[in-house]
Amino acid sequence: MKLLIINGPNLNFLGIREPDLYGKESYDSLCDMIKDHAAKKDVEVELFQSNHEGAIIDKIQEAYRNKTDGIVINPGAYSHYSYAILDALRSVDMPKIEVHITDIDGREEFRRTSVTSGGCDGVIKGKGLNGYLEAIDTIIDRK
């Protein structure tokens, strides 16, 4: 099984950006945690992070062409307004789980709506970095 893990804008600044909200662990720590978990599950993962909407869309389309088995995506701020990422997610036929490190329902009003979640099979929010592992397990369980 091959999964693509997509992280959107500013997630490369984990541990730097608002550590009281997002934690003190770095993006590299998140990547290592995901790789270790995937290895235990005998799953191949590709990790991708971009601050650019078009690059994220290109990666979603590439996953389809490469016959990737599922996508875990944290679109970051794009969650709240990117209809282009929503359309890309809706275009690919594979399990997709959206992850948010914080509980977006308890944050600023503009963060409470995720337009991109409409292109996903589920949303995990407010579980910190462990939400990524839960998302991986959810996709594995669905296959």
N, C-alpha and C. Protein backbone atom coordinates (compact mmCIF):
# COMPACT_ATOMS: atom_id res chain seq x y z
N MET A 1 0.84 -1.18 0.00
CA MET A 1 0.00 0.00 0.00
C MET A 1 0.88 1.24 0.00
N LYS A 2 0.46 2.22 -0.80
CA LYS A 2 1.22 3.47 -0.93
C LYS A 2 0.31 4.64 -0.59
N LEU A 3 0.73 5.47 0.38
CA LEU A 3 -0.04 6.64 0.79
C LEU A 3 0.76 7.91 0.57
N LEU A 4 0.04 8.96 0.23
CA LEU A 4 0.62 10.29 0.10
C LEU A 4 0.16 11.13 1.27
N ILE A 5 1.10 11.76 1.96
CA ILE A 5 0.80 12.66 3.07
C ILE A 5 1.12 14.07 2.58
N ILE A 6 0.09 14.90 2.49
CA ILE A 6 0.25 16.28 2.00
C ILE A 6 0.08 17.25 3.16
N ASN A 7 1.01 18.16 3.28
CA ASN A 7 0.91 19.24 4.26
C ASN A 7 0.98 20.57 3.54
N GLY A 8 0.05 21.43 3.87
CA GLY A 8 -0.06 22.73 3.23
C GLY A 8 0.78 23.81 3.89
N PRO A 9 0.37 25.06 3.67
CA PRO A 9 1.17 26.21 4.07
C PRO A 9 1.44 26.27 5.57
N ASN A 10 2.67 26.64 5.87
CA ASN A 10 3.18 26.90 7.21
C ASN A 10 3.39 25.66 8.06
N LEU A 11 3.00 24.49 7.57
CA LEU A 11 3.21 23.29 8.37
C LEU A 11 4.70 22.95 8.47
N ASN A 12 5.48 23.44 7.54
CA ASN A 12 6.94 23.28 7.65
C ASN A 12 7.49 24.09 8.82
N PHE A 13 6.68 24.94 9.41
CA PHE A 13 7.09 25.75 10.56
C PHE A 13 6.56 25.19 11.88
N LEU A 14 6.19 23.91 11.88
CA LEU A 14 5.79 23.28 13.15
C LEU A 14 6.92 23.43 14.15
N GLY A 15 6.58 23.71 15.39
CA GLY A 15 7.57 23.92 16.43
C GLY A 15 8.04 25.36 16.51
N ILE A 16 7.82 26.11 15.45
CA ILE A 16 8.21 27.52 15.38
C ILE A 16 6.96 28.40 15.46
N ARG A 17 5.98 28.08 14.65
CA ARG A 17 4.75 28.86 14.56
C ARG A 17 3.79 28.48 15.69
N GLU A 18 3.45 29.42 16.51
CA GLU A 18 2.46 29.25 17.58
C GLU A 18 2.57 27.89 18.29
N PRO A 19 3.70 27.64 18.96
CA PRO A 19 3.88 26.34 19.61
C PRO A 19 2.83 26.04 20.69
N ASP A 20 2.21 27.08 21.24
CA ASP A 20 1.14 26.83 22.23
C ASP A 20 -0.07 26.17 21.59
N LEU A 21 -0.26 26.39 20.30
CA LEU A 21 -1.37 25.77 19.57
C LEU A 21 -0.97 24.48 18.88
N TYR A 22 0.15 24.52 18.20
CA TYR A 22 0.55 23.42 17.32
C TYR A 22 1.61 22.49 17.92
N GLY A 23 2.12 22.83 19.10
CA GLY A 23 3.11 22.00 19.76
C GLY A 23 4.53 22.43 19.44
N LYS A 24 5.44 21.82 20.15
CA LYS A 24 6.86 22.17 20.03
C LYS A 24 7.62 21.23 19.10
N GLU A 25 6.97 20.17 18.64
CA GLU A 25 7.63 19.23 17.73
C GLU A 25 7.83 19.87 16.36
N SER A 26 8.94 19.59 15.73
CA SER A 26 9.25 20.16 14.42
C SER A 26 8.57 19.38 13.30
N TYR A 27 8.59 19.95 12.12
CA TYR A 27 8.06 19.24 10.94
C TYR A 27 8.85 17.97 10.69
N ASP A 28 10.16 18.03 10.88
CA ASP A 28 10.98 16.82 10.71
C ASP A 28 10.56 15.73 11.69
N SER A 29 10.22 16.12 12.91
CA SER A 29 9.74 15.15 13.90
C SER A 29 8.43 14.50 13.44
N LEU A 30 7.54 15.33 12.90
CA LEU A 30 6.29 14.79 12.36
C LEU A 30 6.57 13.79 11.25
N CYS A 31 7.46 14.15 10.34
CA CYS A 31 7.79 13.24 9.23
C CYS A 31 8.38 11.93 9.74
N ASP A 32 9.27 12.01 10.72
CA ASP A 32 9.86 10.80 11.29
C ASP A 32 8.80 9.93 11.96
N MET A 33 7.88 10.57 12.67
CA MET A 33 6.81 9.85 13.34
C MET A 33 5.94 9.11 12.32
N ILE A 34 5.61 9.79 11.24
CA ILE A 34 4.78 9.18 10.18
C ILE A 34 5.53 8.02 9.53
N LYS A 35 6.80 8.22 9.19
CA LYS A 35 7.60 7.16 8.56
C LYS A 35 7.70 5.94 9.46
N ASP A 36 7.94 6.15 10.75
CA ASP A 36 8.04 5.03 11.69
C ASP A 36 6.73 4.26 11.77
N HIS A 37 5.63 4.98 11.87
CA HIS A 37 4.31 4.35 11.96
C HIS A 37 4.01 3.56 10.69
N ALA A 38 4.28 4.17 9.55
CA ALA A 38 4.02 3.51 8.27
C ALA A 38 4.87 2.24 8.13
N ALA A 39 6.12 2.31 8.54
CA ALA A 39 6.99 1.14 8.44
C ALA A 39 6.44 -0.02 9.28
N LYS A 40 5.92 0.29 10.46
CA LYS A 40 5.33 -0.75 11.32
C LYS A 40 4.10 -1.38 10.67
N LYS A 41 3.42 -0.60 9.84
CA LYS A 41 2.20 -1.07 9.18
C LYS A 41 2.48 -1.63 7.79
N ASP A 42 3.76 -1.64 7.41
CA ASP A 42 4.18 -2.11 6.09
C ASP A 42 3.52 -1.29 4.97
N VAL A 43 3.53 0.01 5.16
CA VAL A 43 2.94 0.96 4.21
C VAL A 43 4.04 1.89 3.71
N GLU A 44 4.04 2.12 2.42
CA GLU A 44 4.97 3.08 1.83
C GLU A 44 4.32 4.46 1.89
N VAL A 45 5.06 5.45 2.38
CA VAL A 45 4.51 6.80 2.43
C VAL A 45 5.42 7.77 1.68
N GLU A 46 4.77 8.70 1.03
CA GLU A 46 5.47 9.83 0.44
C GLU A 46 5.00 11.06 1.18
N LEU A 47 5.93 11.85 1.67
CA LEU A 47 5.61 13.08 2.39
C LEU A 47 5.85 14.27 1.48
N PHE A 48 4.89 15.19 1.49
CA PHE A 48 4.99 16.37 0.63
C PHE A 48 4.46 17.56 1.40
N GLN A 49 5.18 18.67 1.34
CA GLN A 49 4.75 19.92 1.96
C GLN A 49 4.97 21.04 0.97
N SER A 50 3.96 21.91 0.87
CA SER A 50 4.11 23.08 0.01
C SER A 50 3.31 24.24 0.57
N ASN A 51 3.83 25.43 0.37
CA ASN A 51 3.13 26.65 0.71
C ASN A 51 2.36 27.19 -0.49
N HIS A 52 2.30 26.41 -1.58
CA HIS A 52 1.71 26.86 -2.84
C HIS A 52 0.53 25.98 -3.24
N GLU A 53 -0.60 26.61 -3.43
CA GLU A 53 -1.84 25.89 -3.76
C GLU A 53 -1.71 25.03 -5.01
N GLY A 54 -1.15 25.58 -6.06
CA GLY A 54 -1.01 24.83 -7.31
C GLY A 54 -0.15 23.59 -7.17
N ALA A 55 0.91 23.69 -6.37
CA ALA A 55 1.78 22.53 -6.15
C ALA A 55 1.02 21.41 -5.44
N ILE A 56 0.14 21.77 -4.52
CA ILE A 56 -0.67 20.77 -3.82
C ILE A 56 -1.64 20.10 -4.80
N ILE A 57 -2.24 20.88 -5.65
CA ILE A 57 -3.15 20.33 -6.67
C ILE A 57 -2.39 19.40 -7.61
N ASP A 58 -1.23 19.83 -8.05
CA ASP A 58 -0.40 18.97 -8.92
C ASP A 58 -0.08 17.64 -8.23
N LYS A 59 0.20 17.69 -6.94
CA LYS A 59 0.57 16.48 -6.21
C LYS A 59 -0.64 15.54 -6.08
N ILE A 60 -1.81 16.08 -5.87
CA ILE A 60 -3.03 15.26 -5.80
C ILE A 60 -3.24 14.56 -7.14
N GLN A 61 -3.10 15.29 -8.23
CA GLN A 61 -3.28 14.71 -9.56
C GLN A 61 -2.20 13.66 -9.85
N GLU A 62 -0.98 13.93 -9.42
CA GLU A 62 0.11 12.98 -9.60
C GLU A 62 -0.18 11.67 -8.84
N ALA A 63 -0.77 11.80 -7.67
CA ALA A 63 -1.11 10.61 -6.87
C ALA A 63 -2.09 9.72 -7.64
N TYR A 64 -3.01 10.31 -8.33
CA TYR A 64 -3.95 9.54 -9.14
C TYR A 64 -3.21 8.80 -10.25
N ARG A 65 -2.34 9.51 -10.95
CA ARG A 65 -1.59 8.91 -12.06
C ARG A 65 -0.65 7.81 -11.58
N ASN A 66 -0.13 7.95 -10.36
CA ASN A 66 0.81 6.98 -9.81
C ASN A 66 0.12 5.83 -9.09
N LYS A 67 -1.20 5.82 -9.14
CA LYS A 67 -2.00 4.76 -8.50
C LYS A 67 -1.74 4.67 -6.99
N THR A 68 -1.62 5.83 -6.38
CA THR A 68 -1.50 5.91 -4.92
C THR A 68 -2.79 5.38 -4.31
N ASP A 69 -2.67 4.69 -3.17
CA ASP A 69 -3.83 4.04 -2.56
C ASP A 69 -4.65 4.95 -1.68
N GLY A 70 -4.09 6.07 -1.23
CA GLY A 70 -4.84 6.98 -0.38
C GLY A 70 -4.05 8.23 -0.08
N ILE A 71 -4.77 9.26 0.36
CA ILE A 71 -4.17 10.55 0.68
C ILE A 71 -4.58 10.97 2.08
N VAL A 72 -3.60 11.40 2.87
CA VAL A 72 -3.83 12.11 4.12
C VAL A 72 -3.40 13.54 3.84
N ILE A 73 -4.31 14.49 4.07
CA ILE A 73 -4.01 15.88 3.74
C ILE A 73 -4.35 16.82 4.90
N ASN A 74 -3.40 17.69 5.18
CA ASN A 74 -3.64 18.82 6.06
C ASN A 74 -3.43 20.05 5.18
N PRO A 75 -4.52 20.59 4.63
CA PRO A 75 -4.37 21.72 3.72
C PRO A 75 -4.02 23.03 4.40
N GLY A 76 -3.89 23.03 5.73
CA GLY A 76 -3.60 24.26 6.44
C GLY A 76 -4.69 25.29 6.16
N ALA A 77 -4.30 26.54 6.01
CA ALA A 77 -5.27 27.62 5.79
C ALA A 77 -6.07 27.43 4.49
N TYR A 78 -5.53 26.69 3.53
CA TYR A 78 -6.29 26.44 2.30
C TYR A 78 -7.60 25.69 2.58
N SER A 79 -7.67 25.01 3.71
CA SER A 79 -8.89 24.29 4.07
C SER A 79 -10.11 25.19 4.03
N HIS A 80 -9.92 26.43 4.37
CA HIS A 80 -11.04 27.33 4.60
C HIS A 80 -11.53 28.07 3.36
N TYR A 81 -10.79 27.96 2.25
CA TYR A 81 -11.23 28.71 1.08
C TYR A 81 -10.80 28.15 -0.27
N SER A 82 -10.07 27.04 -0.31
CA SER A 82 -9.55 26.58 -1.60
C SER A 82 -10.51 25.61 -2.30
N TYR A 83 -11.35 26.18 -3.13
CA TYR A 83 -12.24 25.36 -3.95
C TYR A 83 -11.44 24.61 -5.01
N ALA A 84 -10.27 25.12 -5.35
CA ALA A 84 -9.42 24.42 -6.33
C ALA A 84 -8.88 23.12 -5.73
N ILE A 85 -8.46 23.13 -4.48
CA ILE A 85 -8.01 21.89 -3.83
C ILE A 85 -9.20 20.96 -3.62
N LEU A 86 -10.35 21.50 -3.26
CA LEU A 86 -11.57 20.69 -3.15
C LEU A 86 -11.84 19.97 -4.46
N ASP A 87 -11.80 20.67 -5.57
CA ASP A 87 -12.06 20.05 -6.87
C ASP A 87 -11.03 18.97 -7.19
N ALA A 88 -9.77 19.22 -6.85
CA ALA A 88 -8.73 18.21 -7.09
C ALA A 88 -9.00 16.96 -6.26
N LEU A 89 -9.36 17.14 -5.00
CA LEU A 89 -9.65 15.99 -4.15
C LEU A 89 -10.86 15.21 -4.66
N ARG A 90 -11.87 15.92 -5.12
CA ARG A 90 -13.06 15.25 -5.66
C ARG A 90 -12.75 14.51 -6.96
N SER A 91 -11.70 14.90 -7.64
CA SER A 91 -11.35 14.31 -8.93
C SER A 91 -10.70 12.95 -8.83
N VAL A 92 -10.14 12.63 -7.67
CA VAL A 92 -9.38 11.38 -7.55
C VAL A 92 -10.16 10.37 -6.72
N ASP A 93 -10.21 9.16 -7.25
CA ASP A 93 -10.99 8.09 -6.62
C ASP A 93 -10.07 7.22 -5.76
N MET A 94 -9.92 7.63 -4.51
CA MET A 94 -9.12 6.89 -3.53
C MET A 94 -9.54 7.43 -2.17
N PRO A 95 -9.29 6.70 -1.10
CA PRO A 95 -9.60 7.23 0.23
C PRO A 95 -8.77 8.47 0.53
N LYS A 96 -9.43 9.46 1.12
CA LYS A 96 -8.78 10.71 1.49
C LYS A 96 -9.27 11.13 2.86
N ILE A 97 -8.34 11.41 3.75
CA ILE A 97 -8.67 11.85 5.10
C ILE A 97 -7.99 13.21 5.34
N GLU A 98 -8.78 14.18 5.79
CA GLU A 98 -8.25 15.50 6.13
C GLU A 98 -7.88 15.52 7.61
N VAL A 99 -6.74 16.11 7.91
CA VAL A 99 -6.24 16.19 9.29
C VAL A 99 -6.03 17.66 9.66
N HIS A 100 -6.41 17.97 10.89
CA HIS A 100 -6.09 19.28 11.49
C HIS A 100 -5.50 19.01 12.86
N ILE A 101 -4.36 19.58 13.13
CA ILE A 101 -3.67 19.37 14.40
C ILE A 101 -4.51 19.92 15.55
N THR A 102 -5.10 21.08 15.35
CA THR A 102 -5.95 21.69 16.38
C THR A 102 -7.41 21.38 16.08
N ASP A 103 -8.25 21.66 17.05
CA ASP A 103 -9.69 21.52 16.85
C ASP A 103 -10.20 22.80 16.22
N ILE A 104 -10.35 22.80 14.91
CA ILE A 104 -10.74 24.02 14.20
C ILE A 104 -12.12 24.52 14.62
N ASP A 105 -12.95 23.66 15.17
CA ASP A 105 -14.28 24.08 15.60
C ASP A 105 -14.23 25.01 16.81
N GLY A 106 -13.15 24.97 17.56
CA GLY A 106 -13.02 25.82 18.73
C GLY A 106 -12.13 27.03 18.53
N ARG A 107 -11.82 27.32 17.29
CA ARG A 107 -10.92 28.43 16.99
C ARG A 107 -11.68 29.59 16.37
N GLU A 108 -10.98 30.49 15.71
CA GLU A 108 -11.61 31.66 15.11
C GLU A 108 -12.72 31.23 14.15
N GLU A 109 -13.70 32.08 14.02
CA GLU A 109 -14.87 31.76 13.19
C GLU A 109 -14.48 31.31 11.78
N PHE A 110 -13.54 32.01 11.15
CA PHE A 110 -13.18 31.67 9.77
C PHE A 110 -12.55 30.29 9.65
N ARG A 111 -11.99 29.76 10.74
CA ARG A 111 -11.36 28.44 10.69
C ARG A 111 -12.36 27.30 10.89
N ARG A 112 -13.57 27.61 11.25
CA ARG A 112 -14.54 26.57 11.60
C ARG A 112 -15.14 25.88 10.39
N THR A 113 -14.97 26.47 9.22
CA THR A 113 -15.47 25.86 7.99
C THR A 113 -14.30 25.35 7.16
N SER A 114 -14.41 24.10 6.76
CA SER A 114 -13.41 23.53 5.86
C SER A 114 -14.10 23.18 4.56
N VAL A 115 -13.79 23.92 3.51
CA VAL A 115 -14.38 23.59 2.20
C VAL A 115 -13.72 22.35 1.62
N THR A 116 -12.45 22.13 1.92
CA THR A 116 -11.74 20.99 1.33
C THR A 116 -12.22 19.65 1.91
N SER A 117 -12.79 19.67 3.09
CA SER A 117 -13.26 18.42 3.69
C SER A 117 -14.36 17.77 2.86
N GLY A 118 -15.04 18.56 2.04
CA GLY A 118 -16.07 18.01 1.15
C GLY A 118 -15.52 17.07 0.09
N GLY A 119 -14.21 17.08 -0.09
CA GLY A 119 -13.58 16.17 -1.04
C GLY A 119 -12.91 14.99 -0.35
N CYS A 120 -13.14 14.87 0.95
CA CYS A 120 -12.49 13.81 1.73
C CYS A 120 -13.54 12.86 2.31
N ASP A 121 -13.06 11.69 2.71
CA ASP A 121 -13.94 10.67 3.29
C ASP A 121 -14.09 10.83 4.80
N GLY A 122 -13.30 11.68 5.39
CA GLY A 122 -13.37 11.91 6.82
C GLY A 122 -12.43 13.01 7.24
N VAL A 123 -12.64 13.51 8.45
CA VAL A 123 -11.82 14.59 9.00
C VAL A 123 -11.43 14.20 10.43
N ILE A 124 -10.15 14.37 10.74
CA ILE A 124 -9.65 14.16 12.09
C ILE A 124 -9.09 15.50 12.55
N LYS A 125 -9.61 15.99 13.68
CA LYS A 125 -9.17 17.30 14.15
C LYS A 125 -8.99 17.30 15.65
N GLY A 126 -8.01 18.09 16.08
CA GLY A 126 -7.80 18.31 17.49
C GLY A 126 -7.04 17.20 18.20
N LYS A 127 -6.40 16.32 17.48
CA LYS A 127 -5.67 15.21 18.10
C LYS A 127 -4.16 15.40 18.00
N GLY A 128 -3.73 16.61 17.70
CA GLY A 128 -2.30 16.88 17.58
C GLY A 128 -1.70 16.10 16.43
N LEU A 129 -0.42 15.84 16.52
CA LEU A 129 0.27 15.12 15.45
C LEU A 129 -0.22 13.68 15.33
N ASN A 130 -0.76 13.13 16.40
CA ASN A 130 -1.28 11.76 16.35
C ASN A 130 -2.46 11.62 15.40
N GLY A 131 -3.08 12.72 15.04
CA GLY A 131 -4.16 12.67 14.06
C GLY A 131 -3.71 12.11 12.73
N TYR A 132 -2.46 12.35 12.37
CA TYR A 132 -1.92 11.81 11.12
C TYR A 132 -1.87 10.28 11.18
N LEU A 133 -1.46 9.75 12.32
CA LEU A 133 -1.37 8.29 12.47
C LEU A 133 -2.77 7.67 12.43
N GLU A 134 -3.72 8.33 13.06
CA GLU A 134 -5.10 7.85 13.01
C GLU A 134 -5.62 7.87 11.57
N ALA A 135 -5.27 8.89 10.83
CA ALA A 135 -5.71 8.98 9.43
C ALA A 135 -5.11 7.85 8.60
N ILE A 136 -3.83 7.57 8.81
CA ILE A 136 -3.18 6.45 8.10
C ILE A 136 -3.90 5.15 8.42
N ASP A 137 -4.16 4.94 9.70
CA ASP A 137 -4.83 3.70 10.12
C ASP A 137 -6.25 3.61 9.54
N THR A 138 -6.91 4.74 9.45
CA THR A 138 -8.27 4.76 8.89
C THR A 138 -8.24 4.31 7.43
N ILE A 139 -7.28 4.81 6.67
CA ILE A 139 -7.18 4.41 5.26
C ILE A 139 -6.81 2.93 5.16
N ILE A 140 -5.88 2.47 5.98
CA ILE A 140 -5.50 1.05 5.96
C ILE A 140 -6.73 0.18 6.24
N ASP A 141 -7.52 0.56 7.21
CA ASP A 141 -8.71 -0.21 7.59
C ASP A 141 -9.76 -0.24 6.48
N ARG A 142 -9.78 0.78 5.63
CA ARG A 142 -10.77 0.86 4.56
C ARG A 142 -10.37 0.06 3.33
N LYS A 143 -9.10 -0.31 3.23
CA LYS A 143 -8.61 -1.04 2.06
C LYS A 143 -8.85 -2.52 2.18
